[in-house]
Amino acid sequence: MTELSEEIAAYESMRGDLETKHFGKWVVVHDRTLTGVYDSFESAAENAVKMFGRGPYLIRQIGMPPLTLPASVMYRLVHA
């Protein structure tokens, strides 16, 4: 299983290209692979939970400082 630190490193390696093409959108990185680009955190989180369950995976808004939320908060946002 990939550690979250590896997902962050993978995101950082693709950040420049993502900022050029998708600034402000949300991405999901799982197993060091970009698995989706989304218009909102909610849609990114919903799809991440459907595809990967509890993770680990990284959800990040492109071009913005990192936002850290516990999985339980994300789960409530998706299933509210």
Protein backbone atom coordinates (compact mmCIF):
# COMPACT_ATOMS: atom_id res chain seq x y z
CA MET A 1 0.00 0.00 0.00
CA THR A 2 1.27 3.45 -0.90
CA GLU A 3 1.93 5.84 1.98
CA LEU A 4 0.33 9.29 1.93
CA SER A 5 3.81 10.85 1.77
CA GLU A 6 4.30 9.07 -1.57
CA GLU A 7 1.01 10.49 -2.86
CA ILE A 8 2.14 13.98 -1.85
CA ALA A 9 5.50 13.49 -3.58
CA ALA A 10 3.71 12.30 -6.73
CA TYR A 11 1.44 15.38 -6.66
CA GLU A 12 4.45 17.67 -6.23
CA SER A 13 6.15 16.07 -9.25
CA MET A 14 3.13 16.87 -11.46
CA ARG A 15 2.16 20.17 -9.81
CA GLY A 16 3.66 22.49 -12.45
CA ASP A 17 1.79 20.83 -15.29
CA LEU A 18 -1.43 20.67 -13.26
CA GLU A 19 -1.21 24.37 -12.36
CA THR A 20 -0.83 25.23 -16.04
CA LYS A 21 -3.76 23.11 -17.20
CA HIS A 22 -6.17 22.87 -14.24
CA PHE A 23 -5.48 25.73 -11.78
CA GLY A 24 -8.13 25.89 -9.05
CA LYS A 25 -9.59 22.45 -9.75
CA TRP A 26 -9.34 19.49 -7.36
CA VAL A 27 -7.34 16.32 -8.00
CA VAL A 28 -7.20 12.84 -6.53
CA VAL A 29 -3.85 11.04 -6.46
CA HIS A 30 -3.83 7.34 -5.59
CA ASP A 31 -0.97 4.87 -5.89
CA ARG A 32 1.23 7.73 -7.17
CA THR A 33 -1.15 8.24 -10.12
CA LEU A 34 -3.46 11.12 -10.97
CA THR A 35 -6.87 9.45 -10.99
CA GLY A 36 -9.13 12.43 -11.62
CA VAL A 37 -9.58 16.20 -11.94
CA TYR A 38 -12.76 17.67 -10.44
CA ASP A 39 -14.54 21.01 -10.17
CA SER A 40 -15.23 20.68 -6.43
CA PHE A 41 -13.85 19.07 -3.30
CA GLU A 42 -17.14 17.28 -2.81
CA SER A 43 -17.03 15.54 -6.19
CA ALA A 44 -13.35 14.64 -5.73
CA ALA A 45 -14.02 13.19 -2.28
CA GLU A 46 -17.13 11.31 -3.38
CA ASN A 47 -15.31 9.66 -6.26
CA ALA A 48 -12.23 8.90 -4.17
CA VAL A 49 -14.34 7.15 -1.53
CA LYS A 50 -16.21 5.17 -4.20
CA MET A 51 -13.01 4.10 -5.95
CA PHE A 52 -10.61 3.62 -3.01
CA GLY A 53 -12.60 3.42 0.20
CA ARG A 54 -10.69 4.82 3.14
CA GLY A 55 -7.47 5.33 1.21
CA PRO A 56 -4.84 6.40 1.43
CA TYR A 57 -5.27 8.91 -1.35
CA LEU A 58 -4.57 12.60 -1.71
CA ILE A 59 -7.18 15.22 -2.54
CA ARG A 60 -5.64 18.59 -3.30
CA GLN A 61 -6.81 21.86 -4.83
CA ILE A 62 -4.37 22.78 -7.57
CA GLY A 63 -2.42 25.95 -6.86
CA MET A 64 -3.67 26.34 -3.29
CA PRO A 65 -2.00 25.58 0.06
CA PRO A 66 -2.65 22.07 1.38
CA LEU A 67 -5.90 21.53 3.27
CA THR A 68 -5.90 18.71 5.80
CA LEU A 69 -9.19 17.16 6.89
CA PRO A 70 -9.72 13.93 8.81
CA ALA A 71 -11.29 11.16 6.76
CA SER A 72 -14.36 11.23 8.99
CA VAL A 73 -15.03 14.85 8.02
CA MET A 74 -14.65 14.06 4.33
CA TYR A 75 -16.94 11.06 4.68
CA ARG A 76 -19.64 13.21 6.28
CA LEU A 77 -19.29 15.81 3.52
CA VAL A 78 -19.76 13.17 0.86
CA HIS A 79 -22.60 11.35 2.59
CA ALA A 80 -24.51 14.33 4.03
